[in-house]
Amino acid sequence: MKRALVSVAVAALLAAPAIAQPPTVEAEGGVKVQGIAPEKVLGAIDTTQLVGGQPTETAQPAEIGAPEPRTEVTVDTSVRETATAVVETRTEVIAPVSDRPEIDRANPIAPEVQALVSEKPRYSTADIARAQLAAVLATPPSMPTTTITTTTTTPKPDQ
């Protein structure tokens, strides 16, 4: 029992100086982390020193968005004469055009996801998420079909 008490006391004496040391603090708000000066820490690297004295520019990430929607415009003009006037009717139909393949209504899976499932027997959730994101980014925003009808009536001159 005495040996156990002596060994505990010796362990406490040996550990006491390590525990009792005050933390290392620098002036001006800088703190040393395990004895490393702030200028040596990764976040405090002077990037001008890395490229031979030239300041570096941070590259902006490329804007990722949906492709611009494409449209197809068809114009149909018809002229009709009455006894008193000439009636011209012009109809413009602006319809969206997409090069995306049609999705099977019975099995609605995007082509990017279908390609992943077909080529890999085992795929991760991250693989599926990447394929779904690629499908969303490749699909242009939906647009309605717009029809503009203009009717111009021109009276005939008095005869």
Protein backbone atom coordinates (compact mmCIF):
# COMPACT_ATOMS: atom_id res chain seq x y z
CA MET A 1 0.00 0.00 0.00
CA LYS A 2 2.89 2.30 0.83
CA ARG A 3 4.45 1.61 -2.57
CA ALA A 4 1.21 2.52 -4.33
CA LEU A 5 1.00 5.82 -2.44
CA VAL A 6 4.65 6.61 -3.18
CA SER A 7 4.25 5.85 -6.89
CA VAL A 8 1.13 8.06 -7.08
CA ALA A 9 2.98 10.88 -5.30
CA VAL A 10 6.00 10.58 -7.61
CA ALA A 11 3.74 10.59 -10.70
CA ALA A 12 1.95 13.69 -9.39
CA LEU A 13 5.25 15.49 -8.80
CA LEU A 14 6.53 14.64 -12.26
CA ALA A 15 3.29 15.74 -13.96
CA ALA A 16 2.89 18.95 -11.93
CA PRO A 17 5.48 21.08 -13.81
CA ALA A 18 3.94 20.19 -17.18
CA ILE A 19 0.44 21.10 -16.02
CA ALA A 20 1.47 24.24 -14.17
CA GLN A 21 3.11 25.97 -17.16
CA PRO A 22 1.32 29.17 -18.26
CA PRO A 23 0.13 29.36 -21.88
CA THR A 24 2.41 31.12 -24.36
CA VAL A 25 0.89 34.41 -25.52
CA GLU A 26 2.39 37.05 -27.84
CA ALA A 27 1.68 40.75 -27.90
CA GLU A 28 -0.59 42.37 -30.52
CA GLY A 29 -3.14 39.59 -30.43
CA GLY A 30 -0.92 36.91 -31.96
CA VAL A 31 -0.92 33.51 -30.30
CA LYS A 32 1.72 30.85 -30.72
CA VAL A 33 0.33 27.42 -31.39
CA GLN A 34 2.63 24.86 -29.81
CA GLY A 35 5.57 27.25 -30.18
CA ILE A 36 4.94 28.14 -33.88
CA ALA A 37 5.01 31.84 -34.71
CA PRO A 38 1.94 33.25 -36.53
CA GLU A 39 3.94 34.03 -39.69
CA LYS A 40 4.83 30.34 -39.97
CA VAL A 41 1.22 29.15 -39.83
CA LEU A 42 -0.29 28.14 -43.20
CA GLY A 43 -2.95 30.87 -43.24
CA ALA A 44 -0.35 33.60 -42.74
CA ILE A 45 1.85 32.79 -45.75
CA ASP A 46 2.82 35.84 -47.78
CA THR A 47 1.79 34.84 -51.30
CA THR A 48 3.98 37.52 -52.88
CA GLN A 49 7.02 35.55 -51.72
CA LEU A 50 5.74 32.41 -53.45
CA VAL A 51 5.63 33.90 -56.94
CA GLY A 52 8.83 35.93 -56.97
CA GLY A 53 7.48 39.15 -55.49
CA GLN A 54 4.44 39.40 -57.78
CA PRO A 55 1.06 39.57 -56.01
CA THR A 56 -1.23 36.70 -56.87
CA GLU A 57 -4.82 37.03 -57.98
CA THR A 58 -7.49 34.73 -56.71
CA ALA A 59 -9.29 33.02 -59.58
CA GLN A 60 -13.03 33.46 -59.48
CA PRO A 61 -15.03 30.26 -59.92
CA ALA A 62 -16.74 29.96 -63.28
CA GLU A 63 -20.42 30.67 -63.26
CA ILE A 64 -22.25 27.41 -63.62
CA GLY A 65 -25.78 27.63 -64.77
CA ALA A 66 -28.34 26.18 -67.07
CA PRO A 67 -27.78 26.58 -70.79
CA GLU A 68 -29.68 29.33 -72.53
CA PRO A 69 -33.00 28.17 -73.91
CA ARG A 70 -33.23 27.99 -77.68
CA THR A 71 -36.34 28.78 -79.63
CA GLU A 72 -37.75 28.18 -83.06
CA VAL A 73 -39.93 30.85 -84.64
CA THR A 74 -42.44 30.09 -87.37
CA VAL A 75 -44.34 32.86 -89.13
CA ASP A 76 -47.56 32.37 -91.05
CA THR A 77 -49.15 35.25 -92.94
CA SER A 78 -52.55 35.24 -94.56
CA VAL A 79 -54.18 38.05 -96.54
CA ARG A 80 -57.94 38.29 -96.99
CA GLU A 81 -59.71 40.91 -99.06
CA THR A 82 -63.18 42.16 -98.30
CA ALA A 83 -65.25 44.68 -100.20
CA THR A 84 -64.01 47.60 -98.07
CA ALA A 85 -60.62 46.54 -96.70
CA VAL A 86 -57.58 44.26 -96.87
CA VAL A 87 -57.13 42.17 -93.72
CA GLU A 88 -53.65 40.77 -93.10
CA THR A 89 -53.19 38.28 -90.28
CA ARG A 90 -49.67 37.41 -89.17
CA THR A 91 -49.15 34.58 -86.66
CA GLU A 92 -45.77 34.00 -84.99
CA VAL A 93 -45.27 30.83 -82.96
CA ILE A 94 -42.21 30.85 -80.68
CA ALA A 95 -41.58 27.30 -79.46
CA PRO A 96 -38.73 26.05 -77.27
CA VAL A 97 -36.21 23.70 -78.89
CA SER A 98 -34.14 21.24 -76.89
CA ASP A 99 -31.52 18.73 -77.93
CA ARG A 100 -32.17 16.71 -74.79
CA PRO A 101 -33.56 13.25 -75.48
CA GLU A 102 -37.16 12.57 -74.58
CA ILE A 103 -37.61 10.85 -71.22
CA ASP A 104 -39.58 7.62 -71.18
CA ARG A 105 -42.76 8.28 -69.19
CA ALA A 106 -42.82 4.70 -67.87
CA ASN A 107 -39.20 4.89 -66.61
CA PRO A 108 -38.29 8.59 -66.15
CA ILE A 109 -34.51 8.48 -65.72
CA ALA A 110 -32.18 11.17 -67.09
CA PRO A 111 -29.68 9.94 -69.73
CA GLU A 112 -26.70 10.87 -67.50
CA VAL A 113 -28.03 8.74 -64.66
CA GLN A 114 -28.97 5.90 -67.02
CA ALA A 115 -25.42 5.89 -68.45
CA LEU A 116 -23.93 5.65 -64.94
CA VAL A 117 -26.24 2.80 -63.94
CA SER A 118 -25.54 0.93 -67.19
CA GLU A 119 -21.75 1.17 -67.05
CA LYS A 120 -21.14 0.54 -63.35
CA PRO A 121 -22.61 -2.46 -61.56
CA ARG A 122 -21.81 -0.79 -58.21
CA TYR A 123 -22.09 2.95 -57.82
CA SER A 124 -22.11 5.23 -54.81
CA THR A 125 -24.66 7.79 -53.77
CA ALA A 126 -22.11 10.47 -54.68
CA ASP A 127 -21.92 9.06 -58.23
CA ILE A 128 -25.71 9.22 -58.58
CA ALA A 129 -25.78 12.75 -57.15
CA ARG A 130 -23.10 13.89 -59.62
CA ALA A 131 -25.00 12.34 -62.54
CA GLN A 132 -28.26 13.98 -61.43
CA LEU A 133 -26.53 17.35 -61.08
CA ALA A 134 -25.05 16.97 -64.57
CA ALA A 135 -28.53 16.23 -65.92
CA VAL A 136 -30.03 19.29 -64.22
CA LEU A 137 -27.24 21.57 -65.45
CA ALA A 138 -27.56 20.26 -69.02
CA THR A 139 -31.30 20.86 -69.17
CA PRO A 140 -32.35 24.33 -70.32
CA PRO A 141 -35.06 26.07 -68.33
CA SER A 142 -38.55 25.32 -69.52
CA MET A 143 -40.26 27.95 -71.59
CA PRO A 144 -43.84 28.10 -72.73
CA THR A 145 -44.79 28.19 -76.37
CA THR A 146 -45.78 31.74 -77.25
CA THR A 147 -48.18 32.62 -80.05
CA ILE A 148 -48.40 36.23 -81.28
CA THR A 149 -51.18 37.10 -83.68
CA THR A 150 -51.22 40.50 -85.37
CA THR A 151 -54.14 41.57 -87.51
CA THR A 152 -53.78 44.64 -89.72
CA THR A 153 -56.81 46.05 -91.49
CA THR A 154 -56.14 48.48 -94.30
CA PRO A 155 -59.19 50.22 -95.78
CA LYS A 156 -59.47 50.28 -99.56
CA PRO A 157 -59.36 53.69 -101.21
CA ASP A 158 -62.70 54.98 -102.46
CA GLN A 159 -63.18 53.88 -106.02
